[in-house]
Amino acid sequence: NPGRAVPRDELHEKVWGYSPRVVTRAVDLAVLRVRAKLGDDAEEKFVIATERGVGYRFLLQQPVEASRRFEPATSFVGRRGELSALEGLLTKQRMVTLLGPPGMGKTRLAKQYALDPEQQYREIWFVDLTVVASPELVKVALCQAMGVGQDYLSELETLLAEAGESLLIMDNFETVLSAAPLVGQWLARAPS
């Protein structure tokens, strides 16, 4: 149940199989180890938040799409003009935002652009931000999409800067709009 505060007793029973009468610190110790592996620290909780008096809330709702090789679910018909316009914009601008109402095909257009075999990007990453519960998790989601794991959170800007000419598609960014300064930092560090 993503986003739901899970009581310690429930974790004791369902994960470890303990009876509700057993008193143990197993959950707390396991959470400490998981936080250390995923890059959570005392100041910022990216993956697991403590709910005082209750238990824990898991912030990252599901794994982020990590594949660079996404295949279209449908055929691409009648959007050559938009595709050409997007290509033109990306030759002039380092960052382009596709705007429009839900369901009009912004994600499909971006993926079709990325699928074009003529694109000469060294790396292409797609990050579905609908699964990200807070702006603080954008870095975690990007690490997952890059396939590098959260051990690289502190080095993410450097990794992006050293990746060469790359395409990063951040789908549904409006759900984490307050992370926009972070993207600005990435653009500033990355080569033109």
N, C-alpha and C. Protein backbone atom coordinates (compact mmCIF):
# COMPACT_ATOMS: atom_id res chain seq x y z
N ASN A 1 0.83 -1.20 0.00
CA ASN A 1 0.00 0.00 0.00
C ASN A 1 0.87 1.25 0.00
N PRO A 2 1.29 1.72 -1.17
CA PRO A 2 2.19 2.87 -1.24
C PRO A 2 1.60 4.10 -0.59
N GLY A 3 2.43 4.81 0.16
CA GLY A 3 2.02 6.05 0.78
C GLY A 3 1.28 5.88 2.10
N ARG A 4 0.85 4.67 2.44
CA ARG A 4 0.12 4.43 3.68
C ARG A 4 1.10 4.21 4.81
N ALA A 5 0.81 4.79 5.96
CA ALA A 5 1.63 4.54 7.14
C ALA A 5 1.39 3.10 7.60
N VAL A 6 2.46 2.33 7.69
CA VAL A 6 2.35 0.92 8.07
C VAL A 6 2.83 0.77 9.51
N PRO A 7 1.95 0.32 10.40
CA PRO A 7 2.33 0.15 11.80
C PRO A 7 3.43 -0.90 11.97
N ARG A 8 4.28 -0.69 12.98
CA ARG A 8 5.36 -1.64 13.26
C ARG A 8 4.79 -3.04 13.52
N ASP A 9 3.69 -3.12 14.28
CA ASP A 9 3.09 -4.43 14.59
C ASP A 9 2.72 -5.18 13.32
N GLU A 10 2.19 -4.46 12.34
CA GLU A 10 1.81 -5.10 11.08
C GLU A 10 3.05 -5.64 10.35
N LEU A 11 4.14 -4.86 10.37
CA LEU A 11 5.39 -5.32 9.75
C LEU A 11 5.95 -6.53 10.50
N HIS A 12 5.90 -6.48 11.85
CA HIS A 12 6.37 -7.62 12.65
C HIS A 12 5.64 -8.90 12.23
N GLU A 13 4.32 -8.79 12.11
CA GLU A 13 3.50 -9.96 11.84
C GLU A 13 3.63 -10.43 10.38
N LYS A 14 3.51 -9.49 9.41
CA LYS A 14 3.46 -9.89 8.00
C LYS A 14 4.83 -10.16 7.38
N VAL A 15 5.85 -9.46 7.85
CA VAL A 15 7.18 -9.64 7.26
C VAL A 15 7.99 -10.67 8.03
N TRP A 16 7.99 -10.56 9.35
CA TRP A 16 8.82 -11.46 10.16
C TRP A 16 8.04 -12.64 10.74
N GLY A 17 6.72 -12.59 10.70
CA GLY A 17 5.92 -13.69 11.22
C GLY A 17 5.82 -13.74 12.73
N TYR A 18 6.15 -12.62 13.40
CA TYR A 18 6.07 -12.57 14.86
C TYR A 18 4.63 -12.38 15.31
N SER A 19 4.33 -12.90 16.49
CA SER A 19 3.02 -12.66 17.06
C SER A 19 2.99 -11.21 17.59
N PRO A 20 1.82 -10.61 17.69
CA PRO A 20 1.73 -9.22 18.18
C PRO A 20 2.28 -9.04 19.59
N ARG A 21 2.42 -10.12 20.36
CA ARG A 21 2.91 -10.01 21.73
C ARG A 21 4.43 -9.90 21.80
N VAL A 22 5.15 -10.24 20.71
CA VAL A 22 6.61 -10.22 20.72
C VAL A 22 7.11 -8.77 20.65
N VAL A 23 8.05 -8.46 21.53
CA VAL A 23 8.67 -7.12 21.52
C VAL A 23 10.06 -7.27 20.91
N THR A 24 10.28 -6.54 19.81
CA THR A 24 11.56 -6.63 19.12
C THR A 24 11.86 -5.33 18.38
N ARG A 25 13.12 -5.10 18.11
CA ARG A 25 13.55 -3.93 17.34
C ARG A 25 13.88 -4.33 15.90
N ALA A 26 13.45 -5.51 15.46
CA ALA A 26 13.78 -6.02 14.13
C ALA A 26 13.38 -5.04 13.02
N VAL A 27 12.19 -4.49 13.11
CA VAL A 27 11.72 -3.56 12.07
C VAL A 27 12.59 -2.31 12.05
N ASP A 28 12.85 -1.73 13.22
CA ASP A 28 13.64 -0.50 13.28
C ASP A 28 15.05 -0.71 12.75
N LEU A 29 15.66 -1.84 13.10
CA LEU A 29 17.01 -2.13 12.61
C LEU A 29 17.01 -2.39 11.11
N ALA A 30 16.01 -3.08 10.61
CA ALA A 30 15.92 -3.33 9.17
C ALA A 30 15.73 -2.02 8.41
N VAL A 31 14.90 -1.13 8.94
CA VAL A 31 14.68 0.17 8.29
C VAL A 31 15.97 0.98 8.28
N LEU A 32 16.72 0.95 9.36
CA LEU A 32 18.01 1.65 9.38
C LEU A 32 18.95 1.14 8.29
N ARG A 33 18.99 -0.18 8.13
CA ARG A 33 19.87 -0.76 7.10
C ARG A 33 19.39 -0.40 5.70
N VAL A 34 18.09 -0.45 5.47
CA VAL A 34 17.54 -0.09 4.16
C VAL A 34 17.80 1.38 3.86
N ARG A 35 17.59 2.24 4.83
CA ARG A 35 17.86 3.68 4.63
C ARG A 35 19.32 3.92 4.27
N ALA A 36 20.22 3.24 4.95
CA ALA A 36 21.64 3.41 4.66
C ALA A 36 21.96 2.98 3.22
N LYS A 37 21.36 1.88 2.77
CA LYS A 37 21.60 1.40 1.40
C LYS A 37 21.03 2.33 0.35
N LEU A 38 19.88 2.95 0.66
CA LEU A 38 19.19 3.77 -0.34
C LEU A 38 19.55 5.25 -0.28
N GLY A 39 20.39 5.64 0.66
CA GLY A 39 20.82 7.02 0.70
C GLY A 39 19.99 7.94 1.57
N ASP A 40 19.01 7.41 2.29
CA ASP A 40 18.28 8.24 3.24
C ASP A 40 19.22 8.62 4.38
N ASP A 41 19.06 9.82 4.92
CA ASP A 41 19.87 10.19 6.07
C ASP A 41 18.99 10.83 7.13
N ALA A 42 19.60 11.31 8.20
CA ALA A 42 18.83 11.86 9.32
C ALA A 42 18.03 13.10 8.92
N GLU A 43 18.53 13.87 7.97
CA GLU A 43 17.87 15.11 7.56
C GLU A 43 16.79 14.89 6.52
N GLU A 44 17.06 14.08 5.51
CA GLU A 44 16.14 13.91 4.40
C GLU A 44 15.77 12.44 4.24
N LYS A 45 14.49 12.19 4.22
CA LYS A 45 13.99 10.83 4.01
C LYS A 45 13.41 10.77 2.59
N PHE A 46 14.08 10.04 1.70
CA PHE A 46 13.64 9.93 0.33
C PHE A 46 12.75 8.72 0.10
N VAL A 47 13.00 7.66 0.84
CA VAL A 47 12.33 6.40 0.56
C VAL A 47 11.41 5.97 1.70
N ILE A 48 11.88 6.10 2.94
CA ILE A 48 11.09 5.65 4.10
C ILE A 48 11.00 6.79 5.11
N ALA A 49 9.78 7.21 5.43
CA ALA A 49 9.56 8.25 6.44
C ALA A 49 9.05 7.60 7.71
N THR A 50 9.50 8.09 8.86
CA THR A 50 9.02 7.60 10.14
C THR A 50 7.74 8.34 10.51
N GLU A 51 6.71 7.60 10.85
CA GLU A 51 5.46 8.18 11.33
C GLU A 51 5.44 7.94 12.84
N ARG A 52 5.78 8.96 13.60
CA ARG A 52 5.89 8.83 15.05
C ARG A 52 4.62 8.23 15.66
N GLY A 53 4.81 7.23 16.48
CA GLY A 53 3.70 6.57 17.16
C GLY A 53 2.94 5.59 16.28
N VAL A 54 3.31 5.47 15.01
CA VAL A 54 2.59 4.57 14.11
C VAL A 54 3.54 3.51 13.54
N GLY A 55 4.49 3.97 12.73
CA GLY A 55 5.40 3.04 12.05
C GLY A 55 6.14 3.77 10.95
N TYR A 56 6.02 3.26 9.73
CA TYR A 56 6.77 3.82 8.60
C TYR A 56 5.88 4.02 7.39
N ARG A 57 6.22 5.05 6.61
CA ARG A 57 5.53 5.32 5.36
C ARG A 57 6.56 5.18 4.24
N PHE A 58 6.24 4.35 3.26
CA PHE A 58 7.15 4.13 2.13
C PHE A 58 6.80 5.14 1.05
N LEU A 59 7.74 6.04 0.75
CA LEU A 59 7.47 7.17 -0.12
C LEU A 59 7.55 6.84 -1.61
N LEU A 60 8.49 6.02 -2.00
CA LEU A 60 8.62 5.65 -3.41
C LEU A 60 7.59 4.57 -3.67
N GLN A 61 6.60 4.93 -4.49
CA GLN A 61 5.43 4.08 -4.61
C GLN A 61 5.65 2.80 -5.39
N GLN A 62 6.50 2.82 -6.39
CA GLN A 62 6.79 1.61 -7.16
C GLN A 62 8.06 1.85 -7.94
N PRO A 63 8.69 0.81 -8.44
CA PRO A 63 9.92 1.01 -9.18
C PRO A 63 9.71 1.90 -10.40
N VAL A 64 10.68 2.73 -10.68
CA VAL A 64 10.62 3.63 -11.82
C VAL A 64 11.04 2.86 -13.06
N GLU A 65 10.42 3.17 -14.19
CA GLU A 65 10.78 2.51 -15.44
C GLU A 65 12.26 2.76 -15.71
N ALA A 66 13.03 1.71 -15.81
CA ALA A 66 14.47 1.85 -15.96
C ALA A 66 14.96 1.52 -17.36
N SER A 67 14.05 1.18 -18.25
CA SER A 67 14.48 0.76 -19.57
C SER A 67 14.67 1.93 -20.51
N ARG A 68 15.78 1.92 -21.20
CA ARG A 68 16.00 2.89 -22.28
C ARG A 68 15.32 2.39 -23.54
N ARG A 69 15.04 1.14 -23.61
CA ARG A 69 14.51 0.51 -24.82
C ARG A 69 13.00 0.32 -24.70
N PHE A 70 12.29 1.41 -24.57
CA PHE A 70 10.84 1.30 -24.46
C PHE A 70 10.24 1.13 -25.85
N GLU A 71 9.25 0.32 -25.91
CA GLU A 71 8.57 0.06 -27.18
C GLU A 71 7.22 0.75 -27.15
N PRO A 72 6.78 1.29 -28.29
CA PRO A 72 5.48 1.96 -28.33
C PRO A 72 4.35 0.96 -28.15
N ALA A 73 3.34 1.37 -27.40
CA ALA A 73 2.18 0.51 -27.19
C ALA A 73 1.22 0.59 -28.37
N THR A 74 1.30 1.69 -29.12
CA THR A 74 0.41 1.89 -30.26
C THR A 74 1.23 2.40 -31.44
N SER A 75 0.62 2.36 -32.62
CA SER A 75 1.31 2.90 -33.79
C SER A 75 1.29 4.43 -33.71
N PHE A 76 2.21 5.04 -34.40
CA PHE A 76 2.35 6.50 -34.38
C PHE A 76 1.80 7.04 -35.70
N VAL A 77 0.61 7.63 -35.63
CA VAL A 77 -0.09 8.05 -36.84
C VAL A 77 -0.42 9.54 -36.76
N GLY A 78 -0.12 10.26 -37.85
CA GLY A 78 -0.60 11.63 -38.00
C GLY A 78 0.03 12.69 -37.13
N ARG A 79 1.19 12.46 -36.57
CA ARG A 79 1.81 13.45 -35.68
C ARG A 79 3.19 13.88 -36.19
N ARG A 80 3.43 13.69 -37.48
CA ARG A 80 4.75 14.02 -38.04
C ARG A 80 5.09 15.49 -37.86
N GLY A 81 4.10 16.37 -37.96
CA GLY A 81 4.34 17.81 -37.77
C GLY A 81 4.84 18.12 -36.37
N GLU A 82 4.17 17.54 -35.36
CA GLU A 82 4.58 17.75 -33.97
C GLU A 82 5.96 17.15 -33.71
N LEU A 83 6.21 15.99 -34.29
CA LEU A 83 7.50 15.33 -34.12
C LEU A 83 8.62 16.19 -34.73
N SER A 84 8.36 16.73 -35.89
CA SER A 84 9.33 17.60 -36.56
C SER A 84 9.56 18.88 -35.75
N ALA A 85 8.47 19.44 -35.21
CA ALA A 85 8.60 20.65 -34.38
C ALA A 85 9.42 20.36 -33.12
N LEU A 86 9.19 19.21 -32.50
CA LEU A 86 9.96 18.83 -31.31
C LEU A 86 11.43 18.69 -31.66
N GLU A 87 11.72 18.05 -32.76
CA GLU A 87 13.11 17.89 -33.19
C GLU A 87 13.76 19.25 -33.41
N GLY A 88 13.02 20.16 -34.04
CA GLY A 88 13.54 21.51 -34.27
C GLY A 88 13.82 22.24 -32.96
N LEU A 89 12.93 22.13 -32.02
CA LEU A 89 13.12 22.78 -30.72
C LEU A 89 14.35 22.22 -30.00
N LEU A 90 14.51 20.91 -30.05
CA LEU A 90 15.63 20.29 -29.34
C LEU A 90 16.99 20.56 -29.99
N THR A 91 17.00 21.00 -31.23
CA THR A 91 18.28 21.40 -31.83
C THR A 91 18.67 22.80 -31.39
N LYS A 92 17.69 23.58 -30.90
CA LYS A 92 17.95 24.97 -30.48
C LYS A 92 17.98 25.15 -28.96
N GLN A 93 17.24 24.31 -28.25
CA GLN A 93 17.09 24.45 -26.80
C GLN A 93 17.57 23.20 -26.11
N ARG A 94 18.12 23.37 -24.91
CA ARG A 94 18.57 22.21 -24.13
C ARG A 94 17.43 21.59 -23.35
N MET A 95 16.39 22.38 -23.07
CA MET A 95 15.25 21.86 -22.33
C MET A 95 13.97 22.27 -23.04
N VAL A 96 13.09 21.30 -23.25
CA VAL A 96 11.82 21.53 -23.91
C VAL A 96 10.73 20.92 -23.04
N THR A 97 9.63 21.64 -22.88
CA THR A 97 8.49 21.15 -22.12
C THR A 97 7.32 20.94 -23.07
N LEU A 98 6.72 19.76 -23.03
CA LEU A 98 5.53 19.49 -23.82
C LEU A 98 4.32 19.73 -22.94
N LEU A 99 3.44 20.63 -23.37
CA LEU A 99 2.26 20.98 -22.59
C LEU A 99 0.99 20.57 -23.33
N GLY A 100 -0.03 20.23 -22.58
CA GLY A 100 -1.32 19.90 -23.16
C GLY A 100 -2.16 19.14 -22.16
N PRO A 101 -3.44 18.98 -22.50
CA PRO A 101 -4.33 18.26 -21.58
C PRO A 101 -3.96 16.78 -21.50
N PRO A 102 -4.38 16.13 -20.43
CA PRO A 102 -4.09 14.70 -20.27
C PRO A 102 -4.65 13.89 -21.43
N GLY A 103 -3.89 12.90 -21.86
CA GLY A 103 -4.37 11.99 -22.89
C GLY A 103 -4.16 12.44 -24.32
N MET A 104 -3.52 13.58 -24.52
CA MET A 104 -3.36 14.06 -25.91
C MET A 104 -2.12 13.48 -26.59
N GLY A 105 -1.26 12.77 -25.85
CA GLY A 105 -0.15 12.09 -26.46
C GLY A 105 1.22 12.71 -26.26
N LYS A 106 1.39 13.48 -25.21
CA LYS A 106 2.70 14.11 -24.95
C LYS A 106 3.77 13.05 -24.68
N THR A 107 3.45 12.07 -23.86
CA THR A 107 4.40 11.00 -23.55
C THR A 107 4.71 10.20 -24.80
N ARG A 108 3.70 9.88 -25.57
CA ARG A 108 3.87 9.10 -26.79
C ARG A 108 4.76 9.85 -27.79
N LEU A 109 4.56 11.16 -27.90
CA LEU A 109 5.37 11.98 -28.80
C LEU A 109 6.84 11.98 -28.36
N ALA A 110 7.07 12.15 -27.06
CA ALA A 110 8.44 12.17 -26.54
C ALA A 110 9.12 10.81 -26.77
N LYS A 111 8.40 9.73 -26.51
CA LYS A 111 8.97 8.40 -26.71
C LYS A 111 9.25 8.14 -28.19
N GLN A 112 8.35 8.60 -29.06
CA GLN A 112 8.57 8.39 -30.49
C GLN A 112 9.82 9.13 -30.95
N TYR A 113 10.01 10.34 -30.44
CA TYR A 113 11.23 11.09 -30.76
C TYR A 113 12.47 10.30 -30.33
N ALA A 114 12.42 9.75 -29.12
CA ALA A 114 13.55 8.99 -28.59
C ALA A 114 13.80 7.71 -29.38
N LEU A 115 12.75 7.13 -29.93
CA LEU A 115 12.87 5.88 -30.68
C LEU A 115 13.46 6.06 -32.08
N ASP A 116 13.49 7.29 -32.57
CA ASP A 116 13.98 7.55 -33.92
C ASP A 116 15.43 7.10 -34.02
N PRO A 117 15.73 6.16 -34.93
CA PRO A 117 17.10 5.66 -35.03
C PRO A 117 18.11 6.72 -35.47
N GLU A 118 17.63 7.83 -36.00
CA GLU A 118 18.55 8.90 -36.42
C GLU A 118 19.04 9.74 -35.25
N GLN A 119 18.43 9.59 -34.09
CA GLN A 119 18.88 10.35 -32.93
C GLN A 119 20.26 9.87 -32.52
N GLN A 120 21.13 10.80 -32.29
CA GLN A 120 22.52 10.47 -31.99
C GLN A 120 22.88 10.66 -30.53
N TYR A 121 21.90 10.53 -29.64
CA TYR A 121 22.17 10.69 -28.22
C TYR A 121 22.99 9.51 -27.72
N ARG A 122 23.95 9.83 -26.87
CA ARG A 122 24.78 8.77 -26.27
C ARG A 122 23.96 7.94 -25.29
N GLU A 123 23.10 8.63 -24.54
CA GLU A 123 22.22 7.97 -23.56
C GLU A 123 20.81 8.54 -23.70
N ILE A 124 19.81 7.70 -23.47
CA ILE A 124 18.42 8.14 -23.43
C ILE A 124 17.80 7.52 -22.19
N TRP A 125 17.22 8.38 -21.34
CA TRP A 125 16.58 7.90 -20.12
C TRP A 125 15.14 8.37 -20.08
N PHE A 126 14.25 7.51 -19.65
CA PHE A 126 12.84 7.86 -19.46
C PHE A 126 12.52 7.66 -17.99
N VAL A 127 12.00 8.71 -17.35
CA VAL A 127 11.64 8.64 -15.94
C VAL A 127 10.16 8.98 -15.81
N ASP A 128 9.36 8.02 -15.36
CA ASP A 128 7.94 8.22 -15.14
C ASP A 128 7.76 8.75 -13.72
N LEU A 129 7.47 10.03 -13.61
CA LEU A 129 7.39 10.66 -12.29
C LEU A 129 6.02 10.50 -11.62
N THR A 130 5.09 9.81 -12.25
CA THR A 130 3.80 9.56 -11.59
C THR A 130 3.98 8.66 -10.37
N VAL A 131 5.08 7.90 -10.32
CA VAL A 131 5.31 6.99 -9.21
C VAL A 131 6.13 7.64 -8.10
N VAL A 132 6.47 8.91 -8.27
CA VAL A 132 7.30 9.61 -7.29
C VAL A 132 6.37 10.40 -6.37
N ALA A 133 6.46 10.13 -5.07
CA ALA A 133 5.54 10.72 -4.11
C ALA A 133 5.92 12.13 -3.68
N SER A 134 7.16 12.56 -3.89
CA SER A 134 7.56 13.90 -3.48
C SER A 134 8.72 14.37 -4.36
N PRO A 135 8.91 15.69 -4.45
CA PRO A 135 10.01 16.23 -5.26
C PRO A 135 11.38 15.73 -4.83
N GLU A 136 11.54 15.41 -3.55
CA GLU A 136 12.82 14.93 -3.05
C GLU A 136 13.21 13.59 -3.67
N LEU A 137 12.23 12.86 -4.19
CA LEU A 137 12.50 11.53 -4.75
C LEU A 137 12.87 11.57 -6.23
N VAL A 138 12.90 12.75 -6.85
CA VAL A 138 13.25 12.84 -8.27
C VAL A 138 14.65 12.29 -8.51
N LYS A 139 15.58 12.61 -7.62
CA LYS A 139 16.95 12.09 -7.76
C LYS A 139 16.98 10.56 -7.68
N VAL A 140 16.23 10.01 -6.75
CA VAL A 140 16.17 8.56 -6.59
C VAL A 140 15.60 7.93 -7.87
N ALA A 141 14.53 8.52 -8.38
CA ALA A 141 13.90 8.00 -9.60
C ALA A 141 14.87 8.05 -10.78
N LEU A 142 15.62 9.13 -10.89
CA LEU A 142 16.57 9.26 -11.99
C LEU A 142 17.70 8.23 -11.85
N CYS A 143 18.18 8.02 -10.63
CA CYS A 143 19.21 6.99 -10.41
C CYS A 143 18.70 5.64 -10.87
N GLN A 144 17.45 5.32 -10.54
CA GLN A 144 16.86 4.05 -10.96
C GLN A 144 16.78 3.97 -12.48
N ALA A 145 16.34 5.05 -13.12
CA ALA A 145 16.22 5.05 -14.58
C ALA A 145 17.58 4.91 -15.25
N MET A 146 18.62 5.49 -14.63
CA MET A 146 19.96 5.39 -15.19
C MET A 146 20.59 4.02 -14.90
N GLY A 147 19.95 3.27 -14.01
CA GLY A 147 20.47 1.96 -13.67
C GLY A 147 21.69 1.99 -12.78
N VAL A 148 21.87 3.08 -12.01
CA VAL A 148 23.07 3.18 -11.18
C VAL A 148 22.80 2.95 -9.70
N GLY A 149 21.56 2.90 -9.27
CA GLY A 149 21.26 2.68 -7.86
C GLY A 149 21.46 3.94 -7.04
N GLN A 150 20.86 3.95 -5.86
CA GLN A 150 20.89 5.14 -5.02
C GLN A 150 22.24 5.42 -4.38
N ASP A 151 23.20 4.53 -4.52
CA ASP A 151 24.52 4.80 -3.99
C ASP A 151 25.13 6.03 -4.66
N TYR A 152 24.61 6.39 -5.83
CA TYR A 152 25.16 7.49 -6.61
C TYR A 152 24.41 8.81 -6.43
N LEU A 153 23.51 8.89 -5.45
CA LEU A 153 22.73 10.12 -5.25
C LEU A 153 23.61 11.35 -5.17
N SER A 154 24.68 11.27 -4.39
CA SER A 154 25.54 12.45 -4.20
C SER A 154 26.34 12.77 -5.46
N GLU A 155 26.49 11.80 -6.34
CA GLU A 155 27.29 11.99 -7.55
C GLU A 155 26.43 12.16 -8.80
N LEU A 156 25.11 12.30 -8.64
CA LEU A 156 24.21 12.31 -9.78
C LEU A 156 24.51 13.44 -10.76
N GLU A 157 24.75 14.65 -10.26
CA GLU A 157 25.06 15.76 -11.16
C GLU A 157 26.31 15.48 -11.98
N THR A 158 27.31 14.91 -11.35
CA THR A 158 28.55 14.58 -12.06
C THR A 158 28.30 13.51 -13.12
N LEU A 159 27.52 12.48 -12.77
CA LEU A 159 27.20 11.43 -13.75
C LEU A 159 26.48 12.02 -14.96
N LEU A 160 25.52 12.91 -14.71
CA LEU A 160 24.79 13.53 -15.81
C LEU A 160 25.72 14.38 -16.67
N ALA A 161 26.60 15.13 -16.01
CA ALA A 161 27.52 16.00 -16.73
C ALA A 161 28.49 15.20 -17.59
N GLU A 162 28.89 14.02 -17.13
CA GLU A 162 29.86 13.21 -17.84
C GLU A 162 29.22 12.26 -18.86
N ALA A 163 27.89 12.24 -18.93
CA ALA A 163 27.20 11.30 -19.81
C ALA A 163 27.32 11.68 -21.29
N GLY A 164 27.72 12.90 -21.57
CA GLY A 164 27.77 13.33 -22.96
C GLY A 164 26.40 13.79 -23.41
N GLU A 165 26.23 13.93 -24.71
CA GLU A 165 24.95 14.40 -25.22
C GLU A 165 23.89 13.33 -25.00
N SER A 166 22.96 13.62 -24.11
CA SER A 166 21.96 12.64 -23.69
C SER A 166 20.57 13.24 -23.74
N LEU A 167 19.58 12.38 -23.76
CA LEU A 167 18.19 12.79 -23.74
C LEU A 167 17.57 12.26 -22.46
N LEU A 168 17.02 13.14 -21.65
CA LEU A 168 16.34 12.77 -20.41
C LEU A 168 14.88 13.17 -20.55
N ILE A 169 13.99 12.20 -20.57
CA ILE A 169 12.55 12.45 -20.65
C ILE A 169 12.00 12.27 -19.25
N MET A 170 11.47 13.35 -18.69
CA MET A 170 10.88 13.30 -17.35
C MET A 170 9.37 13.47 -17.51
N ASP A 171 8.68 12.35 -17.52
CA ASP A 171 7.24 12.34 -17.78
C ASP A 171 6.47 12.71 -16.53
N ASN A 172 5.44 13.53 -16.68
CA ASN A 172 4.58 13.97 -15.57
C ASN A 172 5.34 14.82 -14.56
N PHE A 173 6.22 15.68 -15.04
CA PHE A 173 7.01 16.53 -14.15
C PHE A 173 6.13 17.47 -13.32
N GLU A 174 4.93 17.75 -13.81
CA GLU A 174 4.04 18.66 -13.07
C GLU A 174 3.70 18.13 -11.68
N THR A 175 3.87 16.83 -11.45
CA THR A 175 3.58 16.25 -10.14
C THR A 175 4.66 16.57 -9.12
N VAL A 176 5.83 17.01 -9.59
CA VAL A 176 6.96 17.32 -8.70
C VAL A 176 7.59 18.65 -9.11
N LEU A 177 6.75 19.62 -9.46
CA LEU A 177 7.21 20.89 -10.04
C LEU A 177 8.22 21.63 -9.17
N SER A 178 8.15 21.46 -7.88
CA SER A 178 9.10 22.16 -7.01
C SER A 178 10.52 21.61 -7.15
N ALA A 179 10.70 20.54 -7.93
CA ALA A 179 12.04 20.02 -8.20
C ALA A 179 12.68 20.73 -9.40
N ALA A 180 12.01 21.72 -9.96
CA ALA A 180 12.53 22.43 -11.14
C ALA A 180 13.93 23.02 -10.91
N PRO A 181 14.23 23.63 -9.75
CA PRO A 181 15.60 24.14 -9.55
C PRO A 181 16.66 23.05 -9.66
N LEU A 182 16.33 21.84 -9.30
CA LEU A 182 17.25 20.71 -9.41
C LEU A 182 17.60 20.46 -10.88
N VAL A 183 16.59 20.49 -11.74
CA VAL A 183 16.83 20.30 -13.17
C VAL A 183 17.68 21.45 -13.71
N GLY A 184 17.45 22.66 -13.21
CA GLY A 184 18.28 23.80 -13.59
C GLY A 184 19.74 23.59 -13.23
N GLN A 185 19.98 23.02 -12.06
CA GLN A 185 21.36 22.70 -11.65
C GLN A 185 21.99 21.67 -12.58
N TRP A 186 21.21 20.66 -12.96
CA TRP A 186 21.72 19.63 -13.87
C TRP A 186 22.10 20.24 -15.20
N LEU A 187 21.22 21.12 -15.71
CA LEU A 187 21.52 21.77 -17.00
C LEU A 187 22.76 22.63 -16.91
N ALA A 188 22.92 23.32 -15.81
CA ALA A 188 24.10 24.20 -15.64
C ALA A 188 25.40 23.40 -15.60
N ARG A 189 25.36 22.21 -15.02
CA ARG A 189 26.58 21.39 -14.91
C ARG A 189 26.89 20.59 -16.16
N ALA A 190 25.83 20.24 -16.91
CA ALA A 190 26.04 19.40 -18.08
C ALA A 190 26.63 20.23 -19.23
N PRO A 191 27.43 19.58 -20.07
CA PRO A 191 27.98 20.31 -21.21
C PRO A 191 26.87 20.70 -22.17
N SER A 192 27.12 21.74 -22.93
CA SER A 192 26.07 22.23 -23.85
C SER A 192 25.89 21.31 -25.03
